Protein backbone atom coordinates (compact mmCIF):
# COMPACT_ATOMS: atom_id res chain seq x y z
CA MET A 1 3.02 -31.14 2.81
CA HIS A 2 -0.74 -31.71 3.01
CA ASP A 3 -3.27 -29.23 1.73
CA GLY A 4 -5.04 -27.40 4.54
CA PHE A 5 -5.54 -24.17 6.40
CA ILE A 6 -3.46 -22.33 8.95
CA GLN A 7 -4.86 -19.57 11.16
CA LEU A 8 -1.91 -17.47 12.31
CA ASP A 9 -3.81 -14.64 13.95
CA THR A 10 -6.56 -14.74 16.53
CA GLN A 11 -8.78 -11.75 17.11
CA ASN A 12 -7.87 -9.67 20.17
CA ASP A 13 -11.08 -7.88 21.10
CA ASP A 14 -9.38 -5.59 23.60
CA LEU A 15 -6.87 -4.35 21.02
CA ILE A 16 -9.63 -3.81 18.45
CA ARG A 17 -11.71 -1.78 20.91
CA ALA A 18 -8.64 0.26 21.90
CA GLU A 19 -7.85 1.02 18.25
CA LEU A 20 -11.42 2.12 17.55
CA HIS A 21 -11.58 4.19 20.72
CA ASP A 22 -8.37 6.04 19.86
CA GLY A 23 -9.53 6.71 16.29
CA LEU A 24 -12.95 8.02 17.28
CA ARG A 25 -11.50 10.21 20.02
CA ALA A 26 -8.78 11.71 17.78
CA ALA A 27 -8.99 15.40 16.84
CA ASN A 28 -9.89 14.28 13.30
CA ALA A 29 -11.94 11.15 13.91
CA HIS A 30 -11.01 8.16 11.76
CA THR A 31 -11.27 4.40 11.49
CA SER A 32 -9.36 1.76 9.56
CA PRO A 33 -11.02 0.70 6.29
CA LYS A 34 -10.83 -2.93 7.43
CA TYR A 35 -13.89 -2.24 9.59
CA LEU A 36 -15.93 -1.70 6.43
CA TYR A 37 -15.81 -5.45 5.82
CA ASP A 38 -18.12 -7.30 8.14
CA ALA A 39 -20.38 -9.94 6.54
CA LEU A 40 -22.83 -7.37 5.14
CA GLY A 41 -20.04 -4.97 4.17
CA SER A 42 -18.35 -7.69 2.12
CA LYS A 43 -21.60 -8.38 0.26
CA LEU A 44 -22.12 -4.67 -0.38
CA PHE A 45 -18.62 -4.38 -1.79
CA GLU A 46 -19.34 -7.27 -4.16
CA ALA A 47 -22.38 -5.27 -5.31
CA ILE A 48 -20.23 -2.15 -5.76
CA CYS A 49 -17.98 -4.11 -8.12
CA GLU A 50 -21.00 -4.68 -10.39
CA LEU A 51 -21.94 -0.99 -10.63
CA PRO A 52 -21.49 0.81 -13.96
CA GLU A 53 -19.64 3.65 -12.21
CA TYR A 54 -17.13 1.35 -10.52
CA TYR A 55 -14.60 0.79 -13.30
CA PRO A 56 -11.61 -0.73 -11.37
CA THR A 57 -12.83 -4.33 -11.10
CA ARG A 58 -13.93 -4.78 -14.71
CA THR A 59 -10.98 -2.80 -16.12
CA GLU A 60 -8.43 -4.89 -14.25
CA ALA A 61 -10.27 -8.09 -15.24
CA ALA A 62 -10.10 -7.04 -18.90
CA ILE A 63 -6.34 -6.50 -18.62
CA PHE A 64 -5.88 -9.99 -17.20
CA ALA A 65 -8.11 -11.45 -19.93
CA ASP A 66 -6.40 -9.56 -22.77
CA PHE A 67 -2.82 -10.10 -21.64
CA GLY A 68 -3.02 -13.39 -19.72
CA ASP A 69 -0.49 -15.14 -21.93
CA GLU A 70 1.97 -12.23 -21.72
CA ILE A 71 1.57 -12.06 -17.97
CA ALA A 72 2.16 -15.80 -17.69
CA ALA A 73 5.29 -15.54 -19.84
CA SER A 74 6.61 -12.73 -17.65
CA VAL A 75 5.99 -14.29 -14.21
CA GLY A 76 6.72 -17.90 -15.21
CA SER A 77 4.90 -21.13 -14.42
CA GLY A 78 5.32 -23.32 -11.35
CA THR A 79 5.41 -20.41 -8.92
CA THR A 80 4.23 -20.25 -5.33
CA LEU A 81 1.27 -17.92 -5.87
CA ILE A 82 0.56 -15.93 -2.68
CA ASP A 83 -2.78 -14.12 -2.98
CA LEU A 84 -2.99 -11.18 -0.56
CA GLY A 85 -6.55 -10.43 0.53
CA ALA A 86 -7.81 -13.37 -1.49
CA GLY A 87 -11.47 -13.10 -0.48
CA ASN A 88 -13.38 -15.56 -2.67
CA CYS A 89 -10.19 -16.35 -4.67
CA ALA A 90 -11.96 -15.53 -7.95
CA LYS A 91 -9.32 -13.22 -9.41
CA ALA A 92 -6.47 -15.68 -8.90
CA ALA A 93 -8.55 -18.65 -10.07
CA LYS A 94 -9.14 -17.04 -13.45
CA LEU A 95 -5.36 -16.90 -13.91
CA PHE A 96 -4.67 -20.53 -12.95
CA PRO A 97 -4.90 -21.93 -16.50
CA ALA A 98 -2.32 -19.42 -17.73
CA LEU A 99 -0.04 -19.18 -14.67
CA ARG A 100 -0.13 -22.88 -13.68
CA PRO A 101 1.22 -22.30 -10.15
CA ALA A 102 2.75 -25.20 -8.21
CA GLN A 103 1.23 -23.94 -4.94
CA TYR A 104 -1.60 -21.50 -4.28
CA VAL A 105 -1.64 -19.66 -0.94
CA PRO A 106 -4.72 -17.47 -0.43
CA VAL A 107 -4.20 -15.11 2.50
CA ASP A 108 -7.06 -13.37 4.28
CA ILE A 109 -7.88 -12.16 7.77
CA SER A 110 -9.98 -15.25 8.44
CA VAL A 111 -9.59 -18.77 7.10
CA ASP A 112 -13.35 -19.31 7.45
CA PHE A 113 -13.92 -16.93 4.53
CA LEU A 114 -11.61 -19.03 2.35
CA ARG A 115 -12.76 -22.57 3.07
CA ASP A 116 -15.63 -22.90 0.60
CA ALA A 117 -13.73 -21.14 -2.18
CA VAL A 118 -10.64 -23.29 -1.77
CA ALA A 119 -12.68 -26.50 -1.52
CA SER A 120 -14.26 -25.69 -4.88
CA LEU A 121 -10.91 -24.76 -6.44
CA ARG A 122 -9.32 -28.03 -5.31
CA GLN A 123 -11.93 -29.94 -7.28
CA ARG A 124 -11.29 -27.86 -10.40
CA PHE A 125 -7.49 -27.75 -10.09
CA PRO A 126 -6.38 -30.91 -8.26
CA GLU A 127 -2.83 -30.55 -9.60
CA ILE A 128 -2.25 -27.35 -7.58
CA LYS A 129 -1.28 -27.63 -3.91
CA MET A 130 -3.34 -25.20 -1.84
CA LEU A 131 -2.84 -23.77 1.64
CA GLY A 132 -5.21 -21.18 3.10
CA VAL A 133 -3.57 -18.80 5.58
CA GLY A 134 -5.56 -16.68 8.02
CA MET A 135 -3.55 -13.61 9.00
CA ASP A 136 -3.67 -9.83 9.03
CA PHE A 137 -1.26 -9.40 6.14
CA SER A 138 -1.29 -5.62 6.59
CA ALA A 139 0.63 -6.15 9.85
CA SER A 140 2.97 -9.01 8.95
CA LEU A 141 4.11 -11.03 5.95
CA THR A 142 5.89 -13.75 7.89
CA LEU A 143 4.40 -16.85 6.30
CA PRO A 144 4.28 -20.38 7.75
CA ASP A 145 6.97 -22.90 6.82
CA ALA A 146 4.45 -24.84 4.74
CA VAL A 147 4.52 -22.04 2.16
CA ALA A 148 7.19 -22.93 -0.36
CA ARG A 149 10.11 -20.53 -0.64
CA HIS A 150 10.77 -21.31 -4.28
CA ARG A 151 9.75 -18.75 -6.92
CA ARG A 152 7.28 -16.82 -4.78
CA LEU A 153 4.84 -14.63 -6.71
CA PHE A 154 2.89 -12.21 -4.53
CA PHE A 155 -0.45 -11.33 -6.13
CA TYR A 156 -1.99 -8.05 -4.95
CA PRO A 157 -4.79 -7.02 -7.32
CA GLY A 158 -7.60 -4.50 -7.06
CA SER A 159 -5.40 -1.48 -6.30
CA SER A 160 -5.64 -2.42 -2.62
CA LEU A 161 -2.25 -0.82 -2.04
CA GLY A 162 -4.07 2.49 -2.55
CA ASN A 163 -5.49 2.22 0.98
CA TYR A 164 -2.02 3.01 2.28
CA THR A 165 -0.40 6.45 2.31
CA PRO A 166 2.61 6.64 -0.04
CA ASP A 167 5.02 6.20 2.90
CA GLU A 168 3.02 3.23 4.19
CA ALA A 169 2.87 1.78 0.67
CA LEU A 170 6.66 2.05 0.36
CA ALA A 171 7.15 0.23 3.66
CA TYR A 172 4.66 -2.45 2.66
CA LEU A 173 6.31 -3.03 -0.70
CA GLN A 174 9.64 -3.35 1.10
CA ARG A 175 8.09 -6.08 3.31
CA ILE A 176 6.90 -7.91 0.20
CA ARG A 177 10.42 -7.57 -1.23
CA ILE A 178 11.82 -9.34 1.83
CA ALA A 179 9.09 -12.00 1.86
CA ILE A 180 9.79 -12.91 -1.78
CA ASP A 181 13.17 -14.12 -0.60
CA GLY A 182 11.46 -16.41 1.88
CA ASP A 183 12.25 -14.47 5.08
CA ASP A 184 15.63 -16.17 5.31
CA GLY A 185 17.84 -13.63 3.59
CA ALA A 186 18.33 -15.68 0.44
CA SER A 187 18.58 -13.56 -2.65
CA PHE A 188 16.10 -13.65 -5.50
CA SER A 189 17.54 -15.91 -8.15
CA GLY A 190 15.72 -15.38 -11.40
CA GLY A 191 13.13 -13.82 -13.64
CA GLU A 192 10.15 -15.78 -12.36
CA GLY A 193 7.91 -14.95 -9.45
CA GLY A 194 8.17 -11.53 -7.81
CA LEU A 195 5.15 -9.24 -7.49
CA LEU A 196 2.06 -9.01 -9.71
CA ILE A 197 0.09 -5.95 -8.65
CA GLY A 198 -2.89 -3.94 -9.88
CA VAL A 199 -2.85 -0.15 -9.52
CA ASP A 200 -5.53 2.44 -10.21
CA LEU A 201 -4.35 5.42 -12.24
CA ILE A 202 -5.23 9.12 -12.05
CA LYS A 203 -7.95 10.03 -14.53
CA ASP A 204 -10.81 12.47 -15.04
CA HIS A 205 -11.95 13.58 -11.60
CA ALA A 206 -15.63 13.14 -12.45
CA LEU A 207 -15.03 9.45 -13.18
CA LEU A 208 -13.23 9.05 -9.86
CA ASP A 209 -15.94 10.84 -7.89
CA ALA A 210 -18.72 8.77 -9.49
CA ALA A 211 -16.92 5.50 -8.76
CA TYR A 212 -17.01 6.23 -5.03
CA ASP A 213 -20.41 7.94 -4.83
CA ASP A 214 -22.67 6.00 -7.19
CA ALA A 215 -26.17 7.00 -8.23
CA LEU A 216 -27.84 3.98 -6.57
CA GLY A 217 -26.22 4.72 -3.23
CA VAL A 218 -24.57 1.31 -2.84
CA THR A 219 -21.24 2.86 -1.82
CA ALA A 220 -23.10 5.05 0.66
CA ALA A 221 -24.72 1.95 2.17
CA PHE A 222 -21.31 0.25 2.29
CA ASN A 223 -19.78 3.18 4.16
CA LEU A 224 -22.75 3.68 6.51
CA ASN A 225 -22.77 -0.03 7.34
CA MET A 226 -19.50 0.54 9.17
CA LEU A 227 -21.50 2.27 11.91
CA ARG A 228 -23.50 -0.92 12.49
CA HIS A 229 -20.24 -2.82 12.65
CA LEU A 230 -18.80 -0.36 15.17
CA ASN A 231 -21.91 -0.71 17.32
CA ALA A 232 -21.42 -4.48 17.38
CA VAL A 233 -17.65 -4.46 17.99
CA LEU A 234 -17.30 -1.43 20.25
CA GLY A 235 -20.70 -1.40 21.93
CA ALA A 236 -21.38 2.07 20.51
CA ASP A 237 -24.78 3.62 19.85
CA PHE A 238 -24.37 5.15 16.39
CA ASN A 239 -27.69 5.86 14.66
CA VAL A 240 -27.15 5.40 10.94
CA ARG A 241 -29.85 8.00 10.20
CA ASP A 242 -27.65 10.67 11.83
CA TRP A 243 -24.93 10.26 9.19
CA GLN A 244 -24.37 10.57 5.45
CA HIS A 245 -21.74 9.30 3.05
CA ARG A 246 -19.14 11.58 1.47
CA GLY A 247 -16.82 10.25 -1.22
CA PHE A 248 -14.65 12.47 -3.41
CA PHE A 249 -11.27 12.87 -5.09
CA ASN A 250 -8.76 15.03 -3.22
CA ALA A 251 -6.52 16.23 -6.06
CA GLY A 252 -3.93 17.75 -3.72
CA GLU A 253 -3.35 14.37 -2.04
CA SER A 254 -4.02 12.32 -5.22
CA ARG A 255 -6.52 10.17 -3.37
CA ILE A 256 -10.17 9.31 -3.05
CA GLU A 257 -11.41 10.00 0.46
CA MET A 258 -14.45 8.42 2.08
CA HIS A 259 -16.02 10.01 5.14
CA LEU A 260 -19.13 9.70 7.25
CA GLU A 261 -20.55 13.16 7.95
CA ALA A 262 -22.87 14.01 10.83
CA ARG A 263 -26.21 15.35 9.56
CA ARG A 264 -26.83 17.07 12.89
CA ALA A 265 -25.06 17.51 16.21
CA VAL A 266 -24.93 14.13 17.91
CA THR A 267 -23.23 12.50 20.88
CA VAL A 268 -22.10 8.90 20.45
CA THR A 269 -21.34 6.78 23.48
CA TRP A 270 -19.58 3.46 24.02
CA PRO A 271 -18.41 1.72 27.20
CA GLY A 272 -16.13 4.06 29.09
CA SER A 273 -16.25 6.99 26.67
CA GLU A 274 -18.22 9.22 24.32
CA ARG A 275 -17.69 11.73 21.51
CA ARG A 276 -19.76 14.72 20.49
CA PHE A 277 -19.86 15.39 16.76
CA ASP A 278 -21.03 18.75 15.48
CA ALA A 279 -23.22 18.95 12.39
CA GLY A 280 -20.93 18.51 9.36
CA GLU A 281 -18.12 16.90 11.38
CA ARG A 282 -16.69 13.79 9.75
CA ILE A 283 -15.23 10.38 10.47
CA HIS A 284 -12.56 9.54 7.87
CA THR A 285 -13.14 5.89 6.90
CA GLU A 286 -10.96 5.18 3.86
CA ASN A 287 -8.38 6.52 1.42
CA SER A 288 -7.70 5.18 -2.06
CA TYR A 289 -4.57 6.71 -3.53
CA LYS A 290 -4.27 6.98 -7.30
CA TYR A 291 -0.97 7.01 -9.19
CA THR A 292 0.56 7.90 -12.50
CA GLN A 293 2.50 5.07 -14.14
CA GLN A 294 5.75 6.95 -13.58
CA ALA A 295 5.02 7.64 -9.92
CA PHE A 296 4.18 4.03 -9.18
CA THR A 297 7.14 2.53 -11.02
CA SER A 298 9.33 4.99 -9.11
CA LEU A 299 7.76 3.78 -5.84
CA LEU A 300 8.54 0.18 -6.79
CA GLU A 301 12.14 1.06 -7.56
CA ARG A 302 12.53 2.82 -4.20
CA ALA A 303 11.21 -0.35 -2.55
CA GLY A 304 13.92 -2.46 -4.18
CA PHE A 305 12.07 -3.74 -7.22
CA SER A 306 12.87 -3.75 -10.91
CA VAL A 307 9.83 -3.36 -13.17
CA ARG A 308 9.67 -6.16 -15.73
CA HIS A 309 6.43 -5.36 -17.53
CA VAL A 310 3.42 -3.04 -17.36
CA TRP A 311 0.01 -3.68 -18.95
CA THR A 312 -2.82 -1.14 -19.21
CA ASP A 313 -6.28 -0.88 -20.72
CA PRO A 314 -6.78 1.21 -23.89
CA GLN A 315 -7.98 4.22 -21.86
CA GLN A 316 -5.07 3.87 -19.42
CA TRP A 317 -7.39 3.92 -16.42
CA PHE A 318 -5.64 1.02 -14.66
CA MET A 319 -2.31 -0.80 -14.77
CA VAL A 320 -1.06 -4.27 -13.89
CA CYS A 321 2.62 -4.50 -13.17
CA HIS A 322 5.07 -7.38 -12.80
CA ALA A 323 8.15 -6.48 -10.79
CA CYS A 324 11.03 -8.51 -9.37
CA PRO A 325 13.55 -7.71 -6.64
CA SER A 326 16.36 -5.69 -8.12
CA ALA A 327 19.93 -6.87 -7.88
CA GLY A 328 22.07 -5.61 -5.06
């Protein structure tokens, strides 16, 4: 197999516009968080990760740095490392010296976003086979034949699973469970590979609120930028000045919620439709569910996994977990 890139999905503009139309016209208006990440949105999120209030990125990185050797011993070397939502591949690359994967498969919605990162990594780690895969991994985990079936290790850092409701997260973990076996029904055969996942834990609510509504307003800019993206994709006429960011922890649902709230009554139009928003009415843009260790390990077990090891930071703000398909 030659190193390269495979684009499995092509963008269907009609389906995207239909999804956005249905969400904006719903009784409680909403959009998928994936529309936060246009080119500017991705740069703003990188800036968010540098903020003092935004603890998840640096806390998870410290866990990987402190326990890299233990993590490597648990997951094994020579795996097929499948990086879900790889972005610039930086998180996985820091683990290469410890994990020593045989093949690295960064997966993201667009291969174009991966090319430069993978080209650089190939120079640094020529011994690792690399295959970039462009696909919407939230919809499917059916990987191309060029992805080795042997000792698959799915890498899902950053607490990205928190964007799913608990029921959606269970279904997604079950899909990963199947994909570890290579989509062919073969059973998992050993203690290497599996799932290496980062999960944000419930903590003081003030810390959670600050992480998603920072003093500099970078998260607000990130959320508001979605309106510019919607204007471009849907042909809408949102005026960013008509809206404000709301980010807060909903204790009853155990999740951070992000919304865009209308500052005044406003009517937004797009080809073939429109929506009037009253002052204070919101568009729900993102959830980020937080877990206790017990709740998340229970979720993994329900999805058909056996937890092998859990690592946390000293304050127990974040956890990294290695799990393998359970027997039977």
